[in-house]
Amino acid sequence: MHLIATIIVGIIIGAIAGAFTSRDFPVGGWIGNLIAGLVGSWIGQSLFGEWGPKFADIAIFPSIIGAILLVVVTSLIMNNSTKRQY
């Protein structure tokens, strides 16, 4: 049950980050949201600590900030590498 809650929270955090930045994570759909949410949670909690409300042992606010950072940096890298190919 805890794994399912973690996956759901990861998807939601990734979707919030994508909506906030108006950018898509390179891997599309719910899998991209899950990756952005879970990896962004790890990044955010590592950089900013575990503060604010938690759900499924994930601190929501630092996780959203980390996911936003991940989506922005990844999309910038992917856009730059796509432009160089032409």
C-alpha atoms as a PDB file:
ATOM      1  CA  MET A   1       0.000   0.000   0.000  1.00  0.00           C
ATOM      2  CA  HIS A   2       2.873   2.366   0.791  1.00  0.00           C
ATOM      3  CA  LEU A   3       4.397   1.794  -2.661  1.00  0.00           C
ATOM      4  CA  ILE A   4       1.123   2.653  -4.372  1.00  0.00           C
ATOM      5  CA  ALA A   5       0.812   5.865  -2.345  1.00  0.00           C
ATOM      6  CA  THR A   6       4.397   6.800  -3.212  1.00  0.00           C
ATOM      7  CA  ILE A   7       3.749   6.225  -6.911  1.00  0.00           C
ATOM      8  CA  ILE A   8       0.560   8.290  -6.820  1.00  0.00           C
ATOM      9  CA  VAL A   9       2.300  11.150  -4.980  1.00  0.00           C
ATOM     10  CA  GLY A  10       5.195  11.003  -7.468  1.00  0.00           C
ATOM     11  CA  ILE A  11       2.809  11.255 -10.421  1.00  0.00           C
ATOM     12  CA  ILE A  12       0.957  14.182  -8.844  1.00  0.00           C
ATOM     13  CA  ILE A  13       4.172  16.052  -7.978  1.00  0.00           C
ATOM     14  CA  GLY A  14       5.502  15.525 -11.510  1.00  0.00           C
ATOM     15  CA  ALA A  15       2.214  16.741 -13.002  1.00  0.00           C
ATOM     16  CA  ILE A  16       2.298  19.852 -10.786  1.00  0.00           C
ATOM     17  CA  ALA A  17       5.887  20.567 -11.845  1.00  0.00           C
ATOM     18  CA  GLY A  18       4.994  20.156 -15.526  1.00  0.00           C
ATOM     19  CA  ALA A  19       1.946  22.390 -15.186  1.00  0.00           C
ATOM     20  CA  PHE A  20       3.869  25.026 -13.238  1.00  0.00           C
ATOM     21  CA  THR A  21       6.724  25.203 -15.763  1.00  0.00           C
ATOM     22  CA  SER A  22       4.547  24.690 -18.874  1.00  0.00           C
ATOM     23  CA  ARG A  23       7.182  22.223 -20.055  1.00  0.00           C
ATOM     24  CA  ASP A  24       7.028  18.507 -20.601  1.00  0.00           C
ATOM     25  CA  PHE A  25       9.457  16.049 -19.109  1.00  0.00           C
ATOM     26  CA  PRO A  26      11.225  14.320 -22.047  1.00  0.00           C
ATOM     27  CA  VAL A  27       9.615  10.969 -21.264  1.00  0.00           C
ATOM     28  CA  GLY A  28       5.940  11.643 -21.826  1.00  0.00           C
ATOM     29  CA  GLY A  29       2.789  10.744 -20.037  1.00  0.00           C
ATOM     30  CA  TRP A  30       2.349   9.442 -16.540  1.00  0.00           C
ATOM     31  CA  ILE A  31       5.727   7.670 -16.637  1.00  0.00           C
ATOM     32  CA  GLY A  32       7.446  11.023 -17.176  1.00  0.00           C
ATOM     33  CA  ASN A  33       5.422  12.536 -14.353  1.00  0.00           C
ATOM     34  CA  LEU A  34       6.373   9.646 -12.097  1.00  0.00           C
ATOM     35  CA  ILE A  35      10.083   9.992 -12.910  1.00  0.00           C
ATOM     36  CA  ALA A  36      10.013  13.771 -12.476  1.00  0.00           C
ATOM     37  CA  GLY A  37       8.047  13.467  -9.242  1.00  0.00           C
ATOM     38  CA  LEU A  38      10.172  10.802  -7.580  1.00  0.00           C
ATOM     39  CA  VAL A  39      13.577  12.055  -8.732  1.00  0.00           C
ATOM     40  CA  GLY A  40      12.485  15.649  -8.098  1.00  0.00           C
ATOM     41  CA  SER A  41      11.379  14.655  -4.603  1.00  0.00           C
ATOM     42  CA  TRP A  42      14.774  13.192  -3.890  1.00  0.00           C
ATOM     43  CA  ILE A  43      16.529  16.292  -5.267  1.00  0.00           C
ATOM     44  CA  GLY A  44      14.242  18.714  -3.432  1.00  0.00           C
ATOM     45  CA  GLN A  45      14.462  16.958  -0.091  1.00  0.00           C
ATOM     46  CA  SER A  46      18.242  16.619  -0.435  1.00  0.00           C
ATOM     47  CA  LEU A  47      18.688  20.328  -1.197  1.00  0.00           C
ATOM     48  CA  PHE A  48      15.971  21.897   0.934  1.00  0.00           C
ATOM     49  CA  GLY A  49      15.288  19.377   3.698  1.00  0.00           C
ATOM     50  CA  GLU A  50      12.045  17.760   4.764  1.00  0.00           C
ATOM     51  CA  TRP A  51       9.683  20.512   5.848  1.00  0.00           C
ATOM     52  CA  GLY A  52       5.996  21.114   5.394  1.00  0.00           C
ATOM     53  CA  PRO A  53       3.279  18.518   5.059  1.00  0.00           C
ATOM     54  CA  LYS A  54       4.207  14.947   4.177  1.00  0.00           C
ATOM     55  CA  PHE A  55       2.318  12.251   2.371  1.00  0.00           C
ATOM     56  CA  ALA A  56       3.732   8.743   1.893  1.00  0.00           C
ATOM     57  CA  ASP A  57       6.958   9.958   3.577  1.00  0.00           C
ATOM     58  CA  ILE A  58       7.403  12.618   0.878  1.00  0.00           C
ATOM     59  CA  ALA A  59       7.685  16.258   1.970  1.00  0.00           C
ATOM     60  CA  ILE A  60       5.377  17.962  -0.498  1.00  0.00           C
ATOM     61  CA  PHE A  61       6.827  21.496  -0.883  1.00  0.00           C
ATOM     62  CA  PRO A  62      10.534  20.639  -1.253  1.00  0.00           C
ATOM     63  CA  SER A  63       9.525  17.806  -3.590  1.00  0.00           C
ATOM     64  CA  ILE A  64       7.575  20.133  -5.861  1.00  0.00           C
ATOM     65  CA  ILE A  65      10.491  22.588  -5.939  1.00  0.00           C
ATOM     66  CA  GLY A  66      12.909  19.759  -6.767  1.00  0.00           C
ATOM     67  CA  ALA A  67      10.633  18.419  -9.498  1.00  0.00           C
ATOM     68  CA  ILE A  68      10.307  21.897 -11.016  1.00  0.00           C
ATOM     69  CA  LEU A  69      14.099  22.235 -11.047  1.00  0.00           C
ATOM     70  CA  LEU A  70      14.420  18.804 -12.664  1.00  0.00           C
ATOM     71  CA  VAL A  71      11.849  19.530 -15.373  1.00  0.00           C
ATOM     72  CA  VAL A  72      13.375  22.924 -16.221  1.00  0.00           C
ATOM     73  CA  VAL A  73      16.981  21.678 -16.336  1.00  0.00           C
ATOM     74  CA  THR A  74      16.098  18.528 -18.284  1.00  0.00           C
ATOM     75  CA  SER A  75      13.979  20.376 -20.834  1.00  0.00           C
ATOM     76  CA  LEU A  76      16.725  22.997 -21.327  1.00  0.00           C
ATOM     77  CA  ILE A  77      19.320  20.281 -21.901  1.00  0.00           C
ATOM     78  CA  MET A  78      17.057  18.392 -24.304  1.00  0.00           C
ATOM     79  CA  ASN A  79      16.188  21.570 -26.242  1.00  0.00           C
ATOM     80  CA  ASN A  80      19.857  22.510 -26.596  1.00  0.00           C
ATOM     81  CA  SER A  81      20.857  19.020 -27.751  1.00  0.00           C
ATOM     82  CA  THR A  82      17.990  18.964 -30.268  1.00  0.00           C
ATOM     83  CA  LYS A  83      19.060  22.320 -31.738  1.00  0.00           C
ATOM     84  CA  ARG A  84      22.662  21.146 -32.164  1.00  0.00           C
ATOM     85  CA  GLN A  85      21.657  18.199 -34.341  1.00  0.00           C
ATOM     86  CA  TYR A  86      20.535  20.447 -37.193  1.00  0.00           C
END
